[in-house]
C-alpha atoms as a PDB file:
ATOM      1  CA  MET A   1     -20.388 -16.491   5.015  1.00  0.00           C
ATOM      2  CA  ALA A   2     -19.909 -16.210   1.298  1.00  0.00           C
ATOM      3  CA  SER A   3     -22.536 -13.440   1.112  1.00  0.00           C
ATOM      4  CA  ASP A   4     -20.270 -11.248   3.263  1.00  0.00           C
ATOM      5  CA  LEU A   5     -17.365 -11.493   0.825  1.00  0.00           C
ATOM      6  CA  ILE A   6     -16.461  -8.421  -1.200  1.00  0.00           C
ATOM      7  CA  PRO A   7     -14.926  -9.161  -4.605  1.00  0.00           C
ATOM      8  CA  GLY A   8     -11.274  -8.129  -4.624  1.00  0.00           C
ATOM      9  CA  ILE A   9     -10.889  -8.169  -0.844  1.00  0.00           C
ATOM     10  CA  ASN A  10      -9.481 -11.085   1.144  1.00  0.00           C
ATOM     11  CA  PRO A  11      -9.655 -10.279   4.876  1.00  0.00           C
ATOM     12  CA  GLN A  12      -7.293 -13.185   5.683  1.00  0.00           C
ATOM     13  CA  ALA A  13      -4.446 -12.024   3.412  1.00  0.00           C
ATOM     14  CA  GLU A  14      -1.573 -10.887   5.616  1.00  0.00           C
ATOM     15  CA  PRO A  15       0.695  -7.962   4.628  1.00  0.00           C
ATOM     16  CA  SER A  16       3.753  -8.964   2.610  1.00  0.00           C
ATOM     17  CA  GLY A  17       6.025  -7.026   4.982  1.00  0.00           C
ATOM     18  CA  THR A  18       6.460  -3.656   6.667  1.00  0.00           C
ATOM     19  CA  GLY A  19       7.666  -1.723   3.623  1.00  0.00           C
ATOM     20  CA  CYS A  20       7.278  -1.576  -0.141  1.00  0.00           C
ATOM     21  CA  ALA A  21       8.462  -4.970  -1.376  1.00  0.00           C
ATOM     22  CA  GLU A  22       9.951  -3.632  -4.618  1.00  0.00           C
ATOM     23  CA  CYS A  23      11.543  -0.505  -3.102  1.00  0.00           C
ATOM     24  CA  LEU A  24      13.279  -2.634  -0.485  1.00  0.00           C
ATOM     25  CA  ALA A  25      14.530  -5.051  -3.161  1.00  0.00           C
ATOM     26  CA  GLU A  26      15.719  -2.164  -5.370  1.00  0.00           C
ATOM     27  CA  ASP A  27      17.258  -0.079  -2.549  1.00  0.00           C
ATOM     28  CA  GLY A  28      14.573   2.550  -3.167  1.00  0.00           C
ATOM     29  CA  TRP A  29      12.321   4.647  -0.948  1.00  0.00           C
ATOM     30  CA  TRP A  30       8.658   5.632  -0.627  1.00  0.00           C
ATOM     31  CA  VAL A  31       6.433   8.438   0.612  1.00  0.00           C
ATOM     32  CA  HIS A  32       3.507   6.347   1.933  1.00  0.00           C
ATOM     33  CA  LEU A  33       2.591   2.679   1.847  1.00  0.00           C
ATOM     34  CA  ARG A  34      -0.439   0.937   0.353  1.00  0.00           C
ATOM     35  CA  ARG A  35      -1.685  -2.613   0.906  1.00  0.00           C
ATOM     36  CA  CYS A  36      -3.379  -4.775  -1.707  1.00  0.00           C
ATOM     37  CA  ALA A  37      -6.712  -5.797  -0.202  1.00  0.00           C
ATOM     38  CA  GLU A  38      -6.702  -9.061  -2.154  1.00  0.00           C
ATOM     39  CA  CYS A  39      -3.222 -10.516  -1.573  1.00  0.00           C
ATOM     40  CA  GLY A  40      -1.561  -8.270   1.049  1.00  0.00           C
ATOM     41  CA  HIS A  41       1.216  -6.960  -1.224  1.00  0.00           C
ATOM     42  CA  ILE A  42       2.735  -3.793   0.244  1.00  0.00           C
ATOM     43  CA  GLY A  43       3.639  -1.180  -2.356  1.00  0.00           C
ATOM     44  CA  CYS A  44       4.422   2.510  -2.407  1.00  0.00           C
ATOM     45  CA  CYS A  45       1.827   5.195  -3.150  1.00  0.00           C
ATOM     46  CA  ASP A  46       1.392   7.145  -6.380  1.00  0.00           C
ATOM     47  CA  THR A  47       3.207  10.125  -4.856  1.00  0.00           C
ATOM     48  CA  SER A  48       6.291   7.923  -4.463  1.00  0.00           C
ATOM     49  CA  PRO A  49       8.833   7.857  -7.309  1.00  0.00           C
ATOM     50  CA  ALA A  50       8.207   4.217  -8.293  1.00  0.00           C
ATOM     51  CA  GLN A  51       4.420   3.923  -7.701  1.00  0.00           C
ATOM     52  CA  HIS A  52       4.616   0.200  -6.969  1.00  0.00           C
ATOM     53  CA  ALA A  53       1.075  -0.156  -5.537  1.00  0.00           C
ATOM     54  CA  SER A  54      -0.446   1.026  -8.843  1.00  0.00           C
ATOM     55  CA  ALA A  55       1.958  -1.165 -10.792  1.00  0.00           C
ATOM     56  CA  HIS A  56       0.882  -4.169  -8.710  1.00  0.00           C
ATOM     57  CA  ALA A  57      -2.786  -3.415  -9.406  1.00  0.00           C
ATOM     58  CA  GLY A  58      -2.050  -3.181 -13.122  1.00  0.00           C
ATOM     59  CA  SER A  59      -0.016  -6.381 -13.362  1.00  0.00           C
ATOM     60  CA  SER A  60      -2.060  -8.533 -10.971  1.00  0.00           C
ATOM     61  CA  GLY A  61      -5.585  -7.305 -11.655  1.00  0.00           C
ATOM     62  CA  HIS A  62      -6.023  -6.695  -7.912  1.00  0.00           C
ATOM     63  CA  GLN A  63      -7.906  -3.407  -8.016  1.00  0.00           C
ATOM     64  CA  ILE A  64      -8.549  -2.542  -4.339  1.00  0.00           C
ATOM     65  CA  ILE A  65      -5.928  -1.122  -1.996  1.00  0.00           C
ATOM     66  CA  THR A  66      -5.999   0.249   1.506  1.00  0.00           C
ATOM     67  CA  SER A  67      -3.644   2.518   3.360  1.00  0.00           C
ATOM     68  CA  PHE A  68      -0.815   0.874   5.294  1.00  0.00           C
ATOM     69  CA  GLU A  69      -0.172   4.039   7.298  1.00  0.00           C
ATOM     70  CA  PRO A  70      -0.883   4.228  11.057  1.00  0.00           C
ATOM     71  CA  GLY A  71      -4.322   5.674  11.827  1.00  0.00           C
ATOM     72  CA  GLU A  72      -5.658   5.393   8.254  1.00  0.00           C
ATOM     73  CA  SER A  73      -8.379   2.911   7.318  1.00  0.00           C
ATOM     74  CA  TRP A  74      -9.637   3.896   3.848  1.00  0.00           C
ATOM     75  CA  PHE A  75      -9.954   1.642   0.798  1.00  0.00           C
ATOM     76  CA  TYR A  76      -9.545   2.724  -2.843  1.00  0.00           C
ATOM     77  CA  ASP A  77     -10.748   0.953  -5.990  1.00  0.00           C
ATOM     78  CA  PHE A  78      -8.545   1.533  -9.051  1.00  0.00           C
ATOM     79  CA  SER A  79     -11.277   0.214 -11.370  1.00  0.00           C
ATOM     80  CA  THR A  80     -13.741   2.936 -10.326  1.00  0.00           C
ATOM     81  CA  ASP A  81     -11.197   5.580  -9.252  1.00  0.00           C
ATOM     82  CA  GLU A  82     -13.156   6.005  -6.016  1.00  0.00           C
ATOM     83  CA  LEU A  83     -12.821   5.450  -2.314  1.00  0.00           C
ATOM     84  CA  THR A  84     -14.750   2.392  -1.177  1.00  0.00           C
ATOM     85  CA  ARG A  85     -15.497   0.446   1.981  1.00  0.00           C
ATOM     86  CA  GLY A  86     -13.918  -2.721   3.202  1.00  0.00           C
ATOM     87  CA  PRO A  87     -13.684  -4.984   6.239  1.00  0.00           C
ATOM     88  CA  ARG A  88     -10.897  -5.137   8.778  1.00  0.00           C
ATOM     89  CA  LEU A  89      -8.005  -7.024   7.221  1.00  0.00           C
ATOM     90  CA  ALA A  90      -5.550  -9.396   8.889  1.00  0.00           C
ATOM     91  CA  ASP A  91      -3.110  -7.704  11.260  1.00  0.00           C
ATOM     92  CA  PRO A  92      -0.960  -5.723  11.233  1.00  0.00           C
ATOM     93  CA  GLN A  93      -3.087  -2.830   9.986  1.00  0.00           C
ATOM     94  CA  SER A  94      -0.106  -0.577   9.261  1.00  0.00           C
ATOM     95  CA  HIS A  95       3.647  -0.401   9.204  1.00  0.00           C
ATOM     96  CA  PRO A  96       5.256  -0.028  12.654  1.00  0.00           C
ATOM     97  CA  ASP A  97       4.668   3.370  14.275  1.00  0.00           C
ATOM     98  CA  GLU A  98       8.413   3.936  14.609  1.00  0.00           C
ATOM     99  CA  GLN A  99       8.971   3.475  10.855  1.00  0.00           C
ATOM    100  CA  PRO A 100       9.194   6.947   9.289  1.00  0.00           C
ATOM    101  CA  ALA A 101       7.210   8.252   6.345  1.00  0.00           C
ATOM    102  CA  PRO A 102       8.760   8.813   3.951  1.00  0.00           C
ATOM    103  CA  GLY A 103      10.902   5.751   4.434  1.00  0.00           C
ATOM    104  CA  PRO A 104      12.708   3.569   4.925  1.00  0.00           C
ATOM    105  CA  GLU A 105      14.972   5.305   7.368  1.00  0.00           C
ATOM    106  CA  GLY A 106      18.337   6.152   5.855  1.00  0.00           C
ATOM    107  CA  LYS A 107      17.193   5.720   2.220  1.00  0.00           C
ATOM    108  CA  VAL A 108      15.187   8.920   1.662  1.00  0.00           C
ATOM    109  CA  PRO A 109      17.181  11.613  -0.163  1.00  0.00           C
ATOM    110  CA  GLU A 110      17.342  15.086   1.362  1.00  0.00           C
ATOM    111  CA  ASN A 111      15.611  16.545  -1.701  1.00  0.00           C
ATOM    112  CA  TRP A 112      12.814  13.928  -1.652  1.00  0.00           C
ATOM    113  CA  GLU A 113      10.088  16.574  -2.041  1.00  0.00           C
ATOM    114  CA  ASP A 114      11.574  17.530  -5.415  1.00  0.00           C
ATOM    115  CA  LEU A 115      11.420  13.888  -6.569  1.00  0.00           C
ATOM    116  CA  ILE A 116       7.789  12.981  -5.831  1.00  0.00           C
ATOM    117  CA  HIS A 117       4.750  12.855  -8.102  1.00  0.00           C
ATOM    118  CA  ARG A 118       2.166  15.505  -7.280  1.00  0.00           C
END
């Protein structure tokens, strides 16, 4: 039903992959992953060095993200700077359990905690 639709959220949009699309293309790494609730783009969180999820929101106008971490189900709206609610999105709900955070495996520098945004 159209009345059940939430602007900025497309429950049918599948995740773009299992890791941050830009970090993987640039041989980078992330702390945690975020999923665009409108198109499924997977980007890295604002704690991560490159902050690709925020960059995607800024360049695309897609303002709602959700966690792509196992066991997390929150939504965040960049336009209001607040947590919000959303429906269950297309599977998978998170990156694979065996994928480490930070990740990807083998790309995270030993001093990663010195390189993150706090």
